[in-house]
Amino acid sequence: MIALAGVSVHDAHLAMSDRHLTQPDLVRAVAEHPALAEQWRVPLLDRLDR
């Protein structure tokens, strides 16, 4: 598994799948990671803003 500064690709997929925001800390950690692509970051941040 690939991990960048404590956030793995698996974590990113879990965050994207967390539509009901059951793990907000994970979603925030993934969304704030500098290596995350914008097309993944935007929906995560939108979800956190709701």
C-alpha atoms as a PDB file:
ATOM      1  CA  MET A   1       0.000   0.000   0.000  1.00  0.00           C
ATOM      2  CA  ILE A   2       1.311   3.451  -0.901  1.00  0.00           C
ATOM      3  CA  ALA A   3       1.252   6.028   1.880  1.00  0.00           C
ATOM      4  CA  LEU A   4       2.219   9.679   1.630  1.00  0.00           C
ATOM      5  CA  ALA A   5       2.692  11.440   4.965  1.00  0.00           C
ATOM      6  CA  GLY A   6       0.279   9.153   6.781  1.00  0.00           C
ATOM      7  CA  VAL A   7      -2.438   9.095   4.100  1.00  0.00           C
ATOM      8  CA  SER A   8      -2.602   6.033   1.886  1.00  0.00           C
ATOM      9  CA  VAL A   9      -4.290   5.464  -1.452  1.00  0.00           C
ATOM     10  CA  HIS A  10      -6.648   3.179   0.458  1.00  0.00           C
ATOM     11  CA  ASP A  11      -7.477   6.079   2.814  1.00  0.00           C
ATOM     12  CA  ALA A  12      -8.275   8.274  -0.194  1.00  0.00           C
ATOM     13  CA  HIS A  13     -10.660   5.669  -1.568  1.00  0.00           C
ATOM     14  CA  LEU A  14     -12.325   5.275   1.839  1.00  0.00           C
ATOM     15  CA  ALA A  15     -12.743   9.044   2.091  1.00  0.00           C
ATOM     16  CA  MET A  16     -14.277   9.255  -1.380  1.00  0.00           C
ATOM     17  CA  SER A  17     -16.685   6.443  -0.488  1.00  0.00           C
ATOM     18  CA  ASP A  18     -17.727   8.077   2.789  1.00  0.00           C
ATOM     19  CA  ARG A  19     -20.808   9.822   1.379  1.00  0.00           C
ATOM     20  CA  HIS A  20     -22.467  10.204   4.789  1.00  0.00           C
ATOM     21  CA  LEU A  21     -19.308  11.611   6.426  1.00  0.00           C
ATOM     22  CA  THR A  22     -19.037   8.913   9.061  1.00  0.00           C
ATOM     23  CA  GLN A  23     -15.262   9.491   9.294  1.00  0.00           C
ATOM     24  CA  PRO A  24     -14.837  13.276   9.051  1.00  0.00           C
ATOM     25  CA  ASP A  25     -11.262  13.204  10.393  1.00  0.00           C
ATOM     26  CA  LEU A  26     -10.183  10.811   7.642  1.00  0.00           C
ATOM     27  CA  VAL A  27     -12.010  12.810   4.970  1.00  0.00           C
ATOM     28  CA  ARG A  28     -10.351  16.023   6.212  1.00  0.00           C
ATOM     29  CA  ALA A  29      -6.870  14.446   6.356  1.00  0.00           C
ATOM     30  CA  VAL A  30      -7.209  13.172   2.801  1.00  0.00           C
ATOM     31  CA  ALA A  31      -8.725  16.432   1.495  1.00  0.00           C
ATOM     32  CA  GLU A  32      -5.920  18.493   3.033  1.00  0.00           C
ATOM     33  CA  HIS A  33      -3.101  16.318   1.701  1.00  0.00           C
ATOM     34  CA  PRO A  34      -0.972  18.336  -0.741  1.00  0.00           C
ATOM     35  CA  ALA A  35      -0.503  15.421  -3.151  1.00  0.00           C
ATOM     36  CA  LEU A  36      -4.240  14.872  -3.633  1.00  0.00           C
ATOM     37  CA  ALA A  37      -5.548  15.740  -7.083  1.00  0.00           C
ATOM     38  CA  GLU A  38      -7.991  18.646  -7.259  1.00  0.00           C
ATOM     39  CA  GLN A  39     -10.734  16.484  -8.781  1.00  0.00           C
ATOM     40  CA  TRP A  40     -10.645  14.423  -5.554  1.00  0.00           C
ATOM     41  CA  ARG A  41     -10.104  17.363  -3.197  1.00  0.00           C
ATOM     42  CA  VAL A  42     -13.105  19.468  -4.292  1.00  0.00           C
ATOM     43  CA  PRO A  43     -15.849  16.888  -3.583  1.00  0.00           C
ATOM     44  CA  LEU A  44     -14.284  16.029  -0.233  1.00  0.00           C
ATOM     45  CA  LEU A  45     -14.126  19.660   0.842  1.00  0.00           C
ATOM     46  CA  ASP A  46     -17.699  20.205  -0.377  1.00  0.00           C
ATOM     47  CA  ARG A  47     -18.813  17.265   1.732  1.00  0.00           C
ATOM     48  CA  LEU A  48     -17.034  18.691   4.787  1.00  0.00           C
ATOM     49  CA  ASP A  49     -18.675  22.094   4.272  1.00  0.00           C
ATOM     50  CA  ARG A  50     -22.218  20.697   4.405  1.00  0.00           C
END
